[in-house]
Protein backbone atom coordinates (compact mmCIF):
# COMPACT_ATOMS: atom_id res chain seq x y z
CA ARG A 1 -14.05 -32.12 -204.62
CA GLN A 2 -16.25 -35.20 -204.60
CA GLU A 3 -19.57 -34.95 -202.80
CA ARG A 4 -20.64 -37.93 -200.72
CA SER A 5 -24.27 -38.95 -200.72
CA MET A 6 -25.97 -40.11 -197.55
CA THR A 7 -29.35 -41.21 -196.31
CA GLN A 8 -31.74 -38.66 -194.80
CA ASP A 9 -31.15 -40.28 -191.40
CA GLU A 10 -27.38 -39.82 -191.79
CA ALA A 11 -27.89 -36.18 -192.75
CA LEU A 12 -30.14 -35.63 -189.74
CA ALA A 13 -27.58 -37.30 -187.46
CA ARG A 14 -24.86 -35.00 -188.79
CA LEU A 15 -27.04 -31.95 -188.19
CA GLN A 16 -27.68 -33.17 -184.65
CA MET A 17 -23.97 -33.70 -184.04
CA ASN A 18 -23.05 -30.23 -185.37
CA HIS A 19 -25.95 -28.41 -183.68
CA PRO A 20 -26.65 -30.20 -180.39
CA LEU A 21 -28.62 -27.27 -178.95
CA VAL A 22 -31.17 -27.29 -181.78
CA PRO A 23 -34.25 -29.41 -181.02
CA ILE A 24 -34.49 -32.52 -183.23
CA GLU A 25 -37.98 -31.47 -184.39
CA THR A 26 -36.54 -28.22 -185.71
CA LEU A 27 -33.76 -30.06 -187.53
CA ARG A 28 -36.28 -32.42 -189.10
CA THR A 29 -38.32 -29.50 -190.45
CA ARG A 30 -35.20 -27.85 -191.90
CA LEU A 31 -33.67 -30.98 -193.42
CA SER A 32 -35.60 -30.91 -196.71
CA HIS A 33 -34.31 -27.37 -197.31
CA LEU A 34 -30.71 -28.37 -196.61
CA VAL A 35 -30.40 -31.42 -198.86
CA ARG A 36 -31.10 -32.30 -202.48
CA ASP A 37 -32.01 -35.71 -203.86
CA ALA A 38 -29.41 -38.12 -205.16
CA ASP A 39 -29.99 -41.61 -206.57
CA GLU A 40 -31.67 -44.44 -204.70
CA GLY A 41 -33.19 -42.40 -201.89
CA ARG A 42 -29.93 -40.75 -200.92
CA VAL A 43 -29.23 -37.03 -200.58
CA PHE A 44 -26.47 -34.46 -200.98
CA TRP A 45 -26.05 -31.27 -198.98
CA ARG A 46 -27.26 -28.14 -200.73
CA PHE A 47 -24.79 -25.27 -200.66
CA ASP A 48 -24.03 -22.01 -202.34
CA PRO A 49 -21.05 -22.63 -204.67
CA LEU A 50 -19.71 -19.19 -203.74
CA HIS A 51 -18.96 -20.56 -200.25
CA ARG A 52 -16.24 -22.66 -201.83
CA THR A 53 -14.47 -19.67 -203.37
CA LEU A 54 -11.97 -17.29 -201.88
CA SER A 55 -12.90 -13.69 -201.36
CA PRO A 56 -10.96 -11.25 -203.53
CA ILE A 57 -10.62 -9.09 -200.41
CA PRO A 58 -9.46 -10.80 -197.22
CA PHE A 59 -11.22 -10.03 -193.94
CA TYR A 60 -9.16 -7.96 -191.54
CA ALA A 61 -10.56 -7.17 -188.10
CA ARG A 62 -8.73 -3.83 -188.10
CA THR A 63 -10.65 -2.82 -191.26
CA LEU A 64 -13.94 -3.74 -189.59
CA ILE A 65 -13.00 -1.74 -186.50
CA ALA A 66 -12.08 1.32 -188.59
CA PHE A 67 -15.43 1.04 -190.39
CA ALA A 68 -17.34 0.52 -187.13
CA LYS A 69 -15.88 3.70 -185.66
CA ASN A 70 -17.64 5.63 -188.43
CA VAL A 71 -21.08 4.11 -187.81
CA SER A 72 -23.24 6.71 -186.08
CA SER A 73 -26.53 4.78 -185.91
CA LYS A 74 -27.51 2.38 -183.17
CA VAL A 75 -26.33 -1.18 -183.73
CA LEU A 76 -27.86 -4.36 -182.30
CA PHE A 77 -25.61 -7.33 -181.60
CA ILE A 78 -27.23 -10.59 -180.52
CA ASP A 79 -25.14 -13.51 -179.33
CA GLY A 80 -26.13 -17.05 -178.41
CA GLY A 81 -24.52 -17.11 -174.99
CA LYS A 82 -21.24 -18.81 -174.19
CA GLU A 83 -22.06 -21.59 -176.68
CA GLY A 84 -22.27 -19.10 -179.56
CA PHE A 85 -19.42 -18.10 -181.86
CA HIS A 86 -17.12 -15.54 -180.24
CA PRO A 87 -13.86 -14.51 -181.95
CA PRO A 88 -11.05 -13.73 -179.50
CA ASP A 89 -11.21 -10.00 -180.33
CA GLU A 90 -15.01 -9.75 -180.17
CA ASP A 91 -15.05 -7.08 -177.45
CA GLU A 92 -12.58 -4.91 -179.36
CA ARG A 93 -14.70 -5.21 -182.50
CA LEU A 94 -17.94 -4.39 -180.71
CA THR A 95 -16.68 -1.48 -178.63
CA ALA A 96 -15.75 0.26 -181.89
CA PHE A 97 -19.47 0.92 -182.46
CA ALA A 98 -20.40 4.15 -180.68
CA HIS A 99 -24.00 3.14 -179.97
CA LEU A 100 -24.09 -0.59 -179.44
CA GLU A 101 -26.93 -2.51 -177.84
CA ARG A 102 -25.89 -6.02 -176.94
CA VAL A 103 -28.30 -8.85 -176.22
CA SER A 104 -27.13 -12.25 -175.05
CA ILE A 105 -29.49 -15.21 -175.27
CA PRO A 106 -28.11 -17.86 -172.90
CA ASP A 107 -27.75 -21.40 -174.23
CA ALA A 108 -28.90 -20.38 -177.74
CA GLY A 109 -25.60 -21.23 -179.42
CA HIS A 110 -24.55 -20.44 -182.98
CA MET A 111 -27.92 -21.31 -184.54
CA MET A 112 -29.89 -19.03 -182.21
CA HIS A 113 -32.56 -18.41 -184.85
CA TRP A 114 -33.32 -22.16 -184.63
CA THR A 115 -32.83 -22.72 -180.90
CA ARG A 116 -34.50 -19.54 -179.60
CA PRO A 117 -36.41 -17.95 -182.52
CA ARG A 118 -38.89 -16.10 -180.28
CA GLU A 119 -36.14 -14.51 -178.19
CA VAL A 120 -34.21 -13.46 -181.30
CA ALA A 121 -37.33 -11.97 -182.91
CA SER A 122 -38.29 -10.24 -179.67
CA ALA A 123 -34.84 -8.66 -179.32
CA ILE A 124 -34.99 -7.38 -182.91
CA LEU A 125 -38.52 -6.01 -182.53
CA GLU A 126 -37.64 -4.29 -179.24
CA PHE A 127 -34.58 -2.74 -180.88
CA TRP A 128 -36.60 -1.44 -183.84
CA ALA A 129 -39.37 -0.13 -181.56
CA GLY A 130 -36.95 1.67 -179.27
CA ASP A 131 -35.38 5.10 -179.35
CA PRO A 132 -33.78 5.58 -182.79
CA GLY A 133 -30.80 7.18 -181.10
CA PRO A 134 -28.45 9.69 -182.67
């Protein structure tokens, strides 16, 4: 698979297109961590080569659900509102956890740690500070 180099401005534009909810200033600060230098002032995307491999074990939602039914600790699930990623069977997956705390951050989208970092951190800290549960 041939990688295509691009300018930093092209890379930033692609990030903006793929993550419209993320402020441009945030994307600019992340860009240097997401690309590596090519020739003549151009860049390539950085990536983990393992992301281009197939898992030796396929993901099956029914396996996750069976596992989740055995989790006895409290579980925190944070979503980015309606713009976030939601598989069609999300509710079935989540209700398998006996002690689920769900937090939705409206308009945060898939990259909620970039769009609403304070709200994400606050939800995690509140969860950790709360009643440890069963």
